[in-house]
Amino acid sequence: MRHLNCLLLALAAIALIAVAGCGDGDDSDGALSKEEYASEVTDILDPLGNELSEIGDAVRASENVQELADSVQSAEDQLQRSIDELESLEPPSEADAANDALIDALSGFQGALNELSDAAQDEDTAEVIGSATQLPAAAQQLQSQLDDVRQQLEDAGIDVGG
């Protein structure tokens, strides 16, 4: 579950990246300005980062598969809310690809959590162990994808700092 901490750091980095965005607000097609988009993404990712931080502790403290299933389901629900909110945004055209990549990254990680949740709900200990051992790799993949999103935002002219 140590890798969940890496995930949280990556999500926090994306939130910080978004806060650093700038824009002129001249988008006439209904899209958000770069600043508005940055603010919205931050508002979306902050609760997700909090939930994923708590899930790591909850998973480690789970005493049975039902507790594990409940904990993972909570994280899945927050991921879905974040995905839904990101999908509802109208990012500036320069950030369209980055927004889509962010949604794809979160969806991929949600899939890994879903496998673990399903195994826990089925009380399939072997599958729980198998899914749990795949979670660190999924978290690493998510972190890599989030790094790519950060670069896309920088390339789009959204100042992400450091």
N, C-alpha and C. Protein backbone atom coordinates (compact mmCIF):
# COMPACT_ATOMS: atom_id res chain seq x y z
N MET A 1 0.82 -1.19 0.00
CA MET A 1 0.00 0.00 0.00
C MET A 1 0.86 1.26 0.00
N ARG A 2 2.17 1.07 0.15
CA ARG A 2 3.09 2.20 0.11
C ARG A 2 2.97 2.91 -1.22
N HIS A 3 2.61 2.17 -2.25
CA HIS A 3 2.49 2.77 -3.58
C HIS A 3 1.28 3.69 -3.69
N LEU A 4 0.30 3.48 -2.80
CA LEU A 4 -0.83 4.42 -2.79
C LEU A 4 -0.35 5.80 -2.39
N ASN A 5 0.66 5.84 -1.53
CA ASN A 5 1.23 7.14 -1.17
C ASN A 5 1.82 7.82 -2.39
N CYS A 6 2.47 7.04 -3.25
CA CYS A 6 2.99 7.61 -4.50
C CYS A 6 1.86 8.14 -5.36
N LEU A 7 0.76 7.40 -5.39
CA LEU A 7 -0.41 7.84 -6.14
C LEU A 7 -0.92 9.16 -5.59
N LEU A 8 -0.99 9.25 -4.29
CA LEU A 8 -1.47 10.48 -3.68
C LEU A 8 -0.56 11.65 -4.02
N LEU A 9 0.74 11.40 -3.98
CA LEU A 9 1.67 12.47 -4.34
C LEU A 9 1.46 12.90 -5.79
N ALA A 10 1.23 11.93 -6.65
CA ALA A 10 1.01 12.26 -8.06
C ALA A 10 -0.28 13.07 -8.23
N LEU A 11 -1.34 12.66 -7.53
CA LEU A 11 -2.59 13.40 -7.63
C LEU A 11 -2.44 14.80 -7.06
N ALA A 12 -1.70 14.90 -5.96
CA ALA A 12 -1.46 16.22 -5.39
C ALA A 12 -0.67 17.08 -6.36
N ALA A 13 0.29 16.46 -7.06
CA ALA A 13 1.08 17.21 -8.03
C ALA A 13 0.20 17.74 -9.15
N ILE A 14 -0.73 16.92 -9.62
CA ILE A 14 -1.64 17.37 -10.67
C ILE A 14 -2.48 18.53 -10.16
N ALA A 15 -2.94 18.42 -8.90
CA ALA A 15 -3.73 19.51 -8.34
C ALA A 15 -2.90 20.78 -8.26
N LEU A 16 -1.64 20.65 -7.85
CA LEU A 16 -0.77 21.82 -7.78
C LEU A 16 -0.48 22.37 -9.17
N ILE A 17 -0.33 21.46 -10.12
CA ILE A 17 -0.10 21.87 -11.51
C ILE A 17 -1.28 22.71 -11.98
N ALA A 18 -2.46 22.23 -11.68
CA ALA A 18 -3.66 22.93 -12.14
C ALA A 18 -3.77 24.31 -11.50
N VAL A 19 -3.40 24.41 -10.23
CA VAL A 19 -3.47 25.70 -9.55
C VAL A 19 -2.55 26.71 -10.21
N ALA A 20 -1.42 26.23 -10.73
CA ALA A 20 -0.44 27.13 -11.32
C ALA A 20 -0.83 27.58 -12.73
N GLY A 21 -1.92 27.04 -13.28
CA GLY A 21 -2.33 27.39 -14.64
C GLY A 21 -2.65 28.87 -14.78
N CYS A 22 -2.54 29.35 -16.02
CA CYS A 22 -2.89 30.74 -16.28
C CYS A 22 -3.69 30.79 -17.57
N GLY A 23 -4.45 31.84 -17.74
CA GLY A 23 -5.23 31.96 -18.96
C GLY A 23 -5.72 33.38 -19.14
N ASP A 24 -6.13 33.68 -20.36
CA ASP A 24 -6.59 35.03 -20.63
C ASP A 24 -8.11 35.16 -20.56
N GLY A 25 -8.82 34.02 -20.42
CA GLY A 25 -10.27 34.06 -20.27
C GLY A 25 -11.01 34.46 -21.53
N ASP A 26 -10.37 34.43 -22.69
CA ASP A 26 -10.99 34.87 -23.93
C ASP A 26 -11.63 33.76 -24.74
N ASP A 27 -11.76 32.57 -24.17
CA ASP A 27 -12.38 31.48 -24.92
C ASP A 27 -13.84 31.83 -25.17
N SER A 28 -14.21 31.96 -26.42
CA SER A 28 -15.58 32.35 -26.75
C SER A 28 -16.45 31.15 -27.06
N ASP A 29 -15.91 29.93 -26.99
CA ASP A 29 -16.68 28.74 -27.33
C ASP A 29 -17.32 28.09 -26.10
N GLY A 30 -17.37 28.77 -24.97
CA GLY A 30 -17.96 28.22 -23.76
C GLY A 30 -16.98 27.43 -22.91
N ALA A 31 -15.79 27.24 -23.40
CA ALA A 31 -14.78 26.51 -22.64
C ALA A 31 -14.30 27.36 -21.48
N LEU A 32 -13.84 26.67 -20.46
CA LEU A 32 -13.26 27.36 -19.32
C LEU A 32 -11.95 28.03 -19.71
N SER A 33 -11.63 29.10 -19.02
CA SER A 33 -10.29 29.68 -19.19
C SER A 33 -9.30 28.73 -18.54
N LYS A 34 -8.04 28.95 -18.79
CA LYS A 34 -7.02 28.12 -18.17
C LYS A 34 -7.08 28.22 -16.65
N GLU A 35 -7.30 29.41 -16.14
CA GLU A 35 -7.40 29.60 -14.69
C GLU A 35 -8.63 28.88 -14.12
N GLU A 36 -9.77 29.02 -14.80
CA GLU A 36 -10.99 28.36 -14.34
C GLU A 36 -10.81 26.84 -14.38
N TYR A 37 -10.23 26.35 -15.45
CA TYR A 37 -9.99 24.92 -15.57
C TYR A 37 -9.09 24.44 -14.44
N ALA A 38 -8.02 25.17 -14.17
CA ALA A 38 -7.09 24.81 -13.11
C ALA A 38 -7.84 24.73 -11.77
N SER A 39 -8.69 25.70 -11.50
CA SER A 39 -9.44 25.72 -10.25
C SER A 39 -10.39 24.53 -10.16
N GLU A 40 -11.10 24.25 -11.25
CA GLU A 40 -12.04 23.12 -11.27
C GLU A 40 -11.32 21.79 -11.05
N VAL A 41 -10.21 21.60 -11.73
CA VAL A 41 -9.46 20.35 -11.58
C VAL A 41 -8.98 20.19 -10.15
N THR A 42 -8.52 21.26 -9.56
CA THR A 42 -8.09 21.21 -8.16
C THR A 42 -9.25 20.81 -7.26
N ASP A 43 -10.40 21.42 -7.47
CA ASP A 43 -11.58 21.11 -6.66
C ASP A 43 -12.01 19.65 -6.83
N ILE A 44 -11.77 19.10 -7.98
CA ILE A 44 -12.13 17.70 -8.26
C ILE A 44 -11.12 16.75 -7.64
N LEU A 45 -9.84 17.05 -7.79
CA LEU A 45 -8.81 16.12 -7.35
C LEU A 45 -8.54 16.13 -5.85
N ASP A 46 -8.78 17.24 -5.19
CA ASP A 46 -8.52 17.30 -3.75
C ASP A 46 -9.29 16.23 -2.97
N PRO A 47 -10.62 16.11 -3.15
CA PRO A 47 -11.33 15.06 -2.40
C PRO A 47 -10.86 13.65 -2.79
N LEU A 48 -10.49 13.48 -4.04
CA LEU A 48 -10.00 12.17 -4.48
C LEU A 48 -8.70 11.83 -3.76
N GLY A 49 -7.79 12.79 -3.69
CA GLY A 49 -6.53 12.55 -2.99
C GLY A 49 -6.77 12.20 -1.53
N ASN A 50 -7.71 12.89 -0.90
CA ASN A 50 -8.04 12.59 0.50
C ASN A 50 -8.59 11.18 0.64
N GLU A 51 -9.49 10.80 -0.26
CA GLU A 51 -10.09 9.46 -0.21
C GLU A 51 -9.03 8.39 -0.41
N LEU A 52 -8.14 8.59 -1.37
CA LEU A 52 -7.12 7.58 -1.63
C LEU A 52 -6.11 7.51 -0.48
N SER A 53 -5.89 8.60 0.20
CA SER A 53 -5.02 8.58 1.37
C SER A 53 -5.66 7.74 2.48
N GLU A 54 -6.94 7.94 2.67
CA GLU A 54 -7.65 7.18 3.69
C GLU A 54 -7.78 5.71 3.33
N ILE A 55 -7.91 5.41 2.04
CA ILE A 55 -8.09 4.03 1.63
C ILE A 55 -6.85 3.20 1.97
N GLY A 56 -5.68 3.78 1.83
CA GLY A 56 -4.46 3.04 2.17
C GLY A 56 -4.48 2.60 3.61
N ASP A 57 -4.85 3.51 4.51
CA ASP A 57 -4.93 3.17 5.93
C ASP A 57 -6.04 2.15 6.18
N ALA A 58 -7.17 2.34 5.54
CA ALA A 58 -8.31 1.45 5.75
C ALA A 58 -8.00 0.04 5.26
N VAL A 59 -7.33 -0.06 4.12
CA VAL A 59 -7.00 -1.39 3.59
C VAL A 59 -6.05 -2.10 4.54
N ARG A 60 -5.05 -1.38 5.03
CA ARG A 60 -4.10 -2.00 5.95
C ARG A 60 -4.79 -2.42 7.25
N ALA A 61 -5.80 -1.68 7.68
CA ALA A 61 -6.48 -1.98 8.94
C ALA A 61 -7.62 -2.98 8.78
N SER A 62 -7.96 -3.33 7.56
CA SER A 62 -9.07 -4.26 7.33
C SER A 62 -8.79 -5.59 8.00
N GLU A 63 -9.78 -6.04 8.75
CA GLU A 63 -9.63 -7.30 9.46
C GLU A 63 -10.30 -8.45 8.74
N ASN A 64 -11.12 -8.15 7.73
CA ASN A 64 -11.76 -9.21 6.96
C ASN A 64 -12.05 -8.67 5.56
N VAL A 65 -12.47 -9.57 4.69
CA VAL A 65 -12.67 -9.17 3.30
C VAL A 65 -13.83 -8.20 3.12
N GLN A 66 -14.83 -8.25 4.01
CA GLN A 66 -15.94 -7.30 3.88
C GLN A 66 -15.49 -5.89 4.19
N GLU A 67 -14.67 -5.72 5.20
CA GLU A 67 -14.10 -4.40 5.50
C GLU A 67 -13.26 -3.92 4.33
N LEU A 68 -12.50 -4.82 3.75
CA LEU A 68 -11.68 -4.47 2.59
C LEU A 68 -12.56 -4.04 1.43
N ALA A 69 -13.61 -4.82 1.17
CA ALA A 69 -14.53 -4.49 0.07
C ALA A 69 -15.17 -3.12 0.28
N ASP A 70 -15.59 -2.83 1.51
CA ASP A 70 -16.21 -1.54 1.80
C ASP A 70 -15.23 -0.40 1.59
N SER A 71 -13.99 -0.58 2.03
CA SER A 71 -12.97 0.46 1.89
C SER A 71 -12.66 0.73 0.43
N VAL A 72 -12.49 -0.33 -0.33
CA VAL A 72 -12.16 -0.18 -1.75
C VAL A 72 -13.35 0.43 -2.50
N GLN A 73 -14.56 0.03 -2.12
CA GLN A 73 -15.75 0.59 -2.78
C GLN A 73 -15.84 2.09 -2.58
N SER A 74 -15.48 2.55 -1.41
CA SER A 74 -15.50 3.98 -1.12
C SER A 74 -14.54 4.72 -2.06
N ALA A 75 -13.35 4.16 -2.26
CA ALA A 75 -12.38 4.78 -3.17
C ALA A 75 -12.89 4.74 -4.61
N GLU A 76 -13.49 3.61 -5.00
CA GLU A 76 -14.05 3.51 -6.35
C GLU A 76 -15.13 4.56 -6.58
N ASP A 77 -15.97 4.75 -5.57
CA ASP A 77 -17.05 5.75 -5.70
C ASP A 77 -16.47 7.15 -5.89
N GLN A 78 -15.44 7.50 -5.11
CA GLN A 78 -14.83 8.82 -5.24
C GLN A 78 -14.13 8.96 -6.60
N LEU A 79 -13.48 7.90 -7.06
CA LEU A 79 -12.87 7.94 -8.39
C LEU A 79 -13.93 8.20 -9.45
N GLN A 80 -15.07 7.51 -9.35
CA GLN A 80 -16.12 7.70 -10.35
C GLN A 80 -16.66 9.11 -10.31
N ARG A 81 -16.85 9.67 -9.10
CA ARG A 81 -17.32 11.06 -9.01
C ARG A 81 -16.32 11.99 -9.68
N SER A 82 -15.03 11.76 -9.44
CA SER A 82 -13.99 12.61 -10.04
C SER A 82 -14.00 12.48 -11.56
N ILE A 83 -14.12 11.27 -12.05
CA ILE A 83 -14.17 11.04 -13.49
C ILE A 83 -15.38 11.75 -14.10
N ASP A 84 -16.53 11.57 -13.46
CA ASP A 84 -17.75 12.22 -13.96
C ASP A 84 -17.60 13.74 -14.00
N GLU A 85 -17.01 14.31 -12.96
CA GLU A 85 -16.82 15.76 -12.92
C GLU A 85 -15.83 16.22 -13.98
N LEU A 86 -14.76 15.47 -14.18
CA LEU A 86 -13.80 15.83 -15.22
C LEU A 86 -14.44 15.75 -16.60
N GLU A 87 -15.28 14.74 -16.81
CA GLU A 87 -15.96 14.59 -18.09
C GLU A 87 -16.92 15.74 -18.36
N SER A 88 -17.45 16.33 -17.29
CA SER A 88 -18.42 17.41 -17.47
C SER A 88 -17.76 18.77 -17.73
N LEU A 89 -16.45 18.84 -17.53
CA LEU A 89 -15.74 20.10 -17.77
C LEU A 89 -15.62 20.39 -19.25
N GLU A 90 -15.57 21.67 -19.57
CA GLU A 90 -15.22 22.10 -20.92
C GLU A 90 -13.87 22.80 -20.81
N PRO A 91 -12.80 22.01 -20.89
CA PRO A 91 -11.47 22.61 -20.73
C PRO A 91 -11.15 23.52 -21.90
N PRO A 92 -10.20 24.43 -21.68
CA PRO A 92 -9.74 25.21 -22.84
C PRO A 92 -9.21 24.23 -23.88
N SER A 93 -9.32 24.61 -25.13
CA SER A 93 -8.93 23.68 -26.20
C SER A 93 -7.52 23.14 -26.02
N GLU A 94 -6.64 23.97 -25.47
CA GLU A 94 -5.25 23.54 -25.27
C GLU A 94 -5.13 22.42 -24.23
N ALA A 95 -6.14 22.25 -23.40
CA ALA A 95 -6.08 21.25 -22.33
C ALA A 95 -7.00 20.06 -22.59
N ASP A 96 -7.65 20.02 -23.76
CA ASP A 96 -8.56 18.90 -24.07
C ASP A 96 -7.87 17.55 -23.95
N ALA A 97 -6.75 17.41 -24.59
CA ALA A 97 -6.04 16.12 -24.58
C ALA A 97 -5.59 15.76 -23.17
N ALA A 98 -5.11 16.72 -22.42
CA ALA A 98 -4.67 16.46 -21.04
C ALA A 98 -5.85 16.03 -20.18
N ASN A 99 -7.00 16.68 -20.35
CA ASN A 99 -8.18 16.30 -19.58
C ASN A 99 -8.61 14.88 -19.92
N ASP A 100 -8.61 14.54 -21.21
CA ASP A 100 -8.96 13.18 -21.62
C ASP A 100 -7.96 12.17 -21.05
N ALA A 101 -6.69 12.51 -21.07
CA ALA A 101 -5.66 11.61 -20.54
C ALA A 101 -5.83 11.43 -19.03
N LEU A 102 -6.20 12.49 -18.34
CA LEU A 102 -6.43 12.40 -16.90
C LEU A 102 -7.61 11.47 -16.61
N ILE A 103 -8.67 11.61 -17.37
CA ILE A 103 -9.83 10.73 -17.21
C ILE A 103 -9.44 9.28 -17.47
N ASP A 104 -8.70 9.05 -18.55
CA ASP A 104 -8.26 7.70 -18.88
C ASP A 104 -7.39 7.11 -17.78
N ALA A 105 -6.50 7.91 -17.23
CA ALA A 105 -5.60 7.43 -16.16
C ALA A 105 -6.41 7.03 -14.93
N LEU A 106 -7.34 7.87 -14.53
CA LEU A 106 -8.16 7.57 -13.36
C LEU A 106 -9.05 6.35 -13.61
N SER A 107 -9.57 6.23 -14.82
CA SER A 107 -10.41 5.09 -15.17
C SER A 107 -9.62 3.79 -15.11
N GLY A 108 -8.39 3.82 -15.57
CA GLY A 108 -7.54 2.63 -15.52
C GLY A 108 -7.28 2.19 -14.09
N PHE A 109 -6.99 3.14 -13.23
CA PHE A 109 -6.75 2.80 -11.83
C PHE A 109 -8.04 2.31 -11.17
N GLN A 110 -9.15 2.90 -11.55
CA GLN A 110 -10.43 2.46 -11.01
C GLN A 110 -10.67 1.00 -11.38
N GLY A 111 -10.27 0.60 -12.56
CA GLY A 111 -10.41 -0.79 -12.98
C GLY A 111 -9.64 -1.74 -12.06
N ALA A 112 -8.44 -1.34 -11.68
CA ALA A 112 -7.63 -2.16 -10.77
C ALA A 112 -8.31 -2.26 -9.40
N LEU A 113 -8.86 -1.14 -8.92
CA LEU A 113 -9.58 -1.18 -7.65
C LEU A 113 -10.83 -2.03 -7.75
N ASN A 114 -11.48 -1.98 -8.90
CA ASN A 114 -12.70 -2.75 -9.11
C ASN A 114 -12.42 -4.25 -9.02
N GLU A 115 -11.31 -4.68 -9.60
CA GLU A 115 -10.94 -6.10 -9.51
C GLU A 115 -10.76 -6.53 -8.06
N LEU A 116 -10.09 -5.68 -7.27
CA LEU A 116 -9.87 -5.99 -5.87
C LEU A 116 -11.20 -5.99 -5.11
N SER A 117 -12.04 -5.02 -5.37
CA SER A 117 -13.33 -4.94 -4.71
C SER A 117 -14.20 -6.16 -5.03
N ASP A 118 -14.24 -6.53 -6.30
CA ASP A 118 -15.04 -7.68 -6.71
C ASP A 118 -14.56 -8.95 -6.02
N ALA A 119 -13.25 -9.13 -5.96
CA ALA A 119 -12.69 -10.32 -5.31
C ALA A 119 -13.04 -10.32 -3.82
N ALA A 120 -12.95 -9.14 -3.18
CA ALA A 120 -13.27 -9.06 -1.76
C ALA A 120 -14.76 -9.33 -1.52
N GLN A 121 -15.62 -8.79 -2.38
CA GLN A 121 -17.05 -9.03 -2.21
C GLN A 121 -17.39 -10.49 -2.41
N ASP A 122 -16.66 -11.17 -3.31
CA ASP A 122 -16.87 -12.60 -3.54
C ASP A 122 -16.19 -13.45 -2.48
N GLU A 123 -15.46 -12.79 -1.57
CA GLU A 123 -14.70 -13.47 -0.53
C GLU A 123 -13.77 -14.53 -1.11
N ASP A 124 -13.17 -14.20 -2.23
CA ASP A 124 -12.22 -15.07 -2.91
C ASP A 124 -10.81 -14.65 -2.49
N THR A 125 -10.31 -15.30 -1.47
CA THR A 125 -9.03 -14.92 -0.87
C THR A 125 -7.90 -14.95 -1.89
N ALA A 126 -7.84 -15.98 -2.71
CA ALA A 126 -6.77 -16.08 -3.70
C ALA A 126 -6.85 -14.92 -4.69
N GLU A 127 -8.04 -14.56 -5.11
CA GLU A 127 -8.22 -13.45 -6.05
C GLU A 127 -7.92 -12.11 -5.38
N VAL A 128 -8.29 -11.98 -4.10
CA VAL A 128 -7.96 -10.76 -3.36
C VAL A 128 -6.45 -10.58 -3.33
N ILE A 129 -5.73 -11.64 -3.01
CA ILE A 129 -4.27 -11.56 -2.96
C ILE A 129 -3.70 -11.22 -4.33
N GLY A 130 -4.22 -11.88 -5.36
CA GLY A 130 -3.75 -11.61 -6.71
C GLY A 130 -4.01 -10.17 -7.14
N SER A 131 -5.21 -9.68 -6.85
CA SER A 131 -5.56 -8.30 -7.21
C SER A 131 -4.75 -7.30 -6.40
N ALA A 132 -4.57 -7.60 -5.13
CA ALA A 132 -3.82 -6.70 -4.27
C ALA A 132 -2.36 -6.60 -4.70
N THR A 133 -1.80 -7.69 -5.19
CA THR A 133 -0.41 -7.63 -5.64
C THR A 133 -0.27 -6.86 -6.94
N GLN A 134 -1.35 -6.72 -7.69
CA GLN A 134 -1.33 -5.95 -8.94
C GLN A 134 -1.53 -4.45 -8.71
N LEU A 135 -2.04 -4.10 -7.53
CA LEU A 135 -2.35 -2.71 -7.25
C LEU A 135 -1.13 -1.79 -7.29
N PRO A 136 0.02 -2.20 -6.74
CA PRO A 136 1.19 -1.31 -6.84
C PRO A 136 1.59 -1.00 -8.28
N ALA A 137 1.50 -1.99 -9.16
CA ALA A 137 1.82 -1.76 -10.57
C ALA A 137 0.82 -0.79 -11.19
N ALA A 138 -0.46 -0.93 -10.81
CA ALA A 138 -1.48 -0.01 -11.31
C ALA A 138 -1.23 1.40 -10.81
N ALA A 139 -0.78 1.52 -9.56
CA ALA A 139 -0.48 2.84 -9.00
C ALA A 139 0.73 3.45 -9.71
N GLN A 140 1.72 2.64 -10.02
CA GLN A 140 2.88 3.14 -10.76
C GLN A 140 2.49 3.59 -12.16
N GLN A 141 1.62 2.82 -12.80
CA GLN A 141 1.16 3.20 -14.13
C GLN A 141 0.39 4.51 -14.06
N LEU A 142 -0.45 4.66 -13.05
CA LEU A 142 -1.20 5.90 -12.88
C LEU A 142 -0.24 7.07 -12.69
N GLN A 143 0.77 6.88 -11.87
CA GLN A 143 1.73 7.96 -11.63
C GLN A 143 2.41 8.36 -12.93
N SER A 144 2.79 7.39 -13.74
CA SER A 144 3.42 7.68 -15.03
C SER A 144 2.46 8.45 -15.94
N GLN A 145 1.21 8.02 -15.95
CA GLN A 145 0.21 8.71 -16.78
C GLN A 145 -0.01 10.14 -16.28
N LEU A 146 -0.01 10.33 -14.97
CA LEU A 146 -0.19 11.66 -14.43
C LEU A 146 1.00 12.56 -14.76
N ASP A 147 2.20 11.97 -14.81
CA ASP A 147 3.37 12.73 -15.25
C ASP A 147 3.19 13.18 -16.70
N ASP A 148 2.64 12.28 -17.52
CA ASP A 148 2.38 12.63 -18.92
C ASP A 148 1.35 13.76 -19.02
N VAL A 149 0.32 13.71 -18.17
CA VAL A 149 -0.69 14.77 -18.15
C VAL A 149 -0.04 16.09 -17.78
N ARG A 150 0.81 16.05 -16.80
CA ARG A 150 1.51 17.27 -16.39
C ARG A 150 2.28 17.87 -17.57
N GLN A 151 2.97 17.02 -18.30
CA GLN A 151 3.73 17.50 -19.45
C GLN A 151 2.79 18.07 -20.51
N GLN A 152 1.66 17.41 -20.73
CA GLN A 152 0.69 17.91 -21.71
C GLN A 152 0.17 19.29 -21.31
N LEU A 153 -0.06 19.48 -20.02
CA LEU A 153 -0.52 20.78 -19.55
C LEU A 153 0.55 21.84 -19.77
N GLU A 154 1.79 21.48 -19.49
CA GLU A 154 2.88 22.43 -19.75
C GLU A 154 2.96 22.76 -21.23
N ASP A 155 2.85 21.73 -22.07
CA ASP A 155 2.90 21.93 -23.52
C ASP A 155 1.73 22.79 -24.01
N ALA A 156 0.62 22.74 -23.28
CA ALA A 156 -0.57 23.51 -23.65
C ALA A 156 -0.48 24.96 -23.19
N GLY A 157 0.63 25.29 -22.56
CA GLY A 157 0.80 26.66 -22.10
C GLY A 157 0.23 26.91 -20.72
N ILE A 158 -0.09 25.84 -20.02
CA ILE A 158 -0.55 25.98 -18.64
C ILE A 158 0.69 25.82 -17.78
N ASP A 159 1.06 26.91 -17.13
CA ASP A 159 2.28 26.93 -16.34
C ASP A 159 2.14 26.04 -15.14
N VAL A 160 2.91 24.96 -15.14
CA VAL A 160 2.82 24.00 -14.06
C VAL A 160 3.97 24.13 -13.08
N GLY A 161 4.82 25.07 -13.28
CA GLY A 161 5.95 25.26 -12.36
C GLY A 161 6.93 24.11 -12.44
N GLY A 162 7.86 24.08 -11.45
CA GLY A 162 8.92 23.06 -11.31
C GLY A 162 8.73 21.92 -12.14
